[in-house]
Protein backbone atom coordinates (compact mmCIF):
# COMPACT_ATOMS: atom_id res chain seq x y z
CA GLN A 1 109.60 91.13 118.95
CA VAL A 2 106.43 92.97 118.02
CA HIS A 3 104.86 92.22 114.65
CA LEU A 4 102.53 94.68 112.96
CA VAL A 5 99.67 93.88 110.57
CA GLU A 6 97.82 96.63 108.72
CA SER A 7 94.28 96.31 107.39
CA GLY A 8 91.40 98.44 106.19
CA GLY A 9 92.71 99.59 102.86
CA GLY A 10 90.69 99.47 99.66
CA LEU A 11 89.18 101.44 96.84
CA VAL A 12 87.28 104.60 97.74
CA GLN A 13 85.90 107.51 95.74
CA PRO A 14 87.30 111.01 96.13
CA GLY A 15 85.80 112.66 99.19
CA GLY A 16 85.26 109.31 100.87
CA SER A 17 86.65 107.89 104.10
CA LEU A 18 88.59 104.85 105.25
CA ARG A 19 89.86 103.68 108.61
CA LEU A 20 93.13 101.79 108.66
CA SER A 21 94.09 99.52 111.52
CA CYS A 22 97.52 98.40 112.69
CA ALA A 23 97.32 95.39 114.98
CA ALA A 24 100.37 94.50 117.04
CA SER A 25 101.25 90.99 118.13
CA GLY A 26 102.26 92.25 121.54
CA SER A 27 101.49 95.06 123.91
CA ILE A 28 101.86 98.56 122.50
CA PHE A 29 101.42 100.20 125.89
CA SER A 30 105.10 100.89 126.36
CA ILE A 31 106.01 101.58 122.72
CA PRO A 32 107.11 105.22 122.73
CA ALA A 33 105.79 106.11 119.31
CA MET A 34 103.73 104.52 116.57
CA GLY A 35 103.25 106.08 113.21
CA TRP A 36 101.78 105.80 109.77
CA TYR A 37 103.72 106.26 106.56
CA ARG A 38 102.76 105.93 102.93
CA GLN A 39 104.44 105.28 99.62
CA ALA A 40 102.89 106.19 96.31
CA PRO A 41 104.04 104.57 93.05
CA GLY A 42 107.35 106.03 91.92
CA LYS A 43 107.73 108.11 95.07
CA GLU A 44 109.65 107.81 98.31
CA ARG A 45 107.99 106.69 101.49
CA GLU A 46 106.66 109.68 103.45
CA TRP A 47 105.58 110.23 107.01
CA VAL A 48 101.83 110.67 107.61
CA ALA A 49 101.18 110.81 111.36
CA VAL A 50 102.56 109.74 114.73
CA ILE A 51 101.13 109.07 118.18
CA THR A 52 103.16 108.69 121.37
CA ASN A 53 102.35 106.39 124.26
CA GLY A 54 101.23 109.53 126.08
CA GLY A 55 98.69 110.24 123.37
CA THR A 56 100.44 113.18 121.75
CA THR A 57 99.79 113.31 118.00
CA ASP A 58 101.34 115.04 115.06
CA TYR A 59 100.59 115.08 111.34
CA ALA A 60 102.21 115.90 108.06
CA GLU A 61 100.94 119.24 106.86
CA SER A 62 98.86 117.92 103.98
CA MET A 63 97.01 115.50 106.29
CA LYS A 64 96.11 117.95 109.05
CA GLY A 65 92.35 118.30 109.41
CA ARG A 66 91.65 115.23 107.27
CA PHE A 67 93.45 112.35 109.04
CA THR A 68 93.23 111.31 112.69
CA ILE A 69 95.59 108.87 114.38
CA SER A 70 94.54 107.09 117.55
CA ARG A 71 95.57 104.09 119.61
CA ASP A 72 93.71 101.54 121.72
CA ASN A 73 96.23 100.05 124.11
CA ALA A 74 93.72 97.43 125.31
CA LYS A 75 93.44 96.10 121.75
CA ASN A 76 97.10 96.70 120.88
CA THR A 77 95.91 98.58 117.81
CA VAL A 78 96.64 101.92 116.20
CA TYR A 79 94.16 103.47 113.80
CA LEU A 80 94.28 106.03 111.03
CA GLN A 81 90.94 107.62 110.20
CA MET A 82 91.16 109.21 106.77
CA ASN A 83 88.44 111.60 105.62
CA SER A 84 88.02 113.79 102.52
CA LEU A 85 90.28 111.48 100.59
CA LYS A 86 91.90 112.72 97.39
CA PRO A 87 93.37 110.83 94.44
CA GLU A 88 96.82 111.94 95.60
CA ASP A 89 96.29 109.99 98.82
CA THR A 90 96.59 106.79 96.77
CA ALA A 91 99.48 104.80 98.20
CA VAL A 92 100.49 101.80 100.24
CA TYR A 93 100.10 102.75 103.91
CA TYR A 94 102.52 101.33 106.45
CA CYS A 95 102.48 101.23 110.22
CA ARG A 96 105.74 101.66 112.12
CA ALA A 97 106.65 101.15 115.76
CA THR A 98 109.66 102.99 117.17
CA ILE A 99 111.34 101.13 120.02
CA ALA A 100 114.61 102.68 121.19
CA SER A 101 116.64 102.94 118.00
CA MET A 102 114.76 100.16 116.25
CA PHE A 103 111.97 100.52 113.69
CA ILE A 104 109.43 97.77 113.15
CA TRP A 105 107.31 97.92 110.01
CA GLY A 106 104.13 96.22 108.92
CA GLN A 107 103.60 94.84 105.43
CA GLY A 108 101.37 97.69 104.29
CA THR A 109 97.82 98.08 103.04
CA GLN A 110 96.83 99.55 99.68
CA VAL A 111 94.60 102.62 99.55
CA THR A 112 93.30 103.68 96.15
CA VAL A 113 91.26 106.86 95.75
CA SER A 114 89.58 106.93 92.38
CA SER A 115 86.22 107.52 90.75
């Protein structure tokens, strides 16, 4: 079974950037879709972005133009480049792999946007 480990979170000022990484323990080449989700304190987990194994991407409306999802199959890693960060982007960010009807989650990485 694939295991996912997120990294790259931290504290950043409003307007700043961060790049999150999601490293898989196995090959991601054949995983149909990998996505990023986030959960802010007191809120439900929400979808952020997805990338298919064909490279097709999609984003939640509020992230379009600011976030970019990408994958490096050779490194078994999915990235989330986040620019123009806002305080409301503060959350724990999770990576998820979708394999058939099964979801595999990472442990999450904290992103805090604050001055």
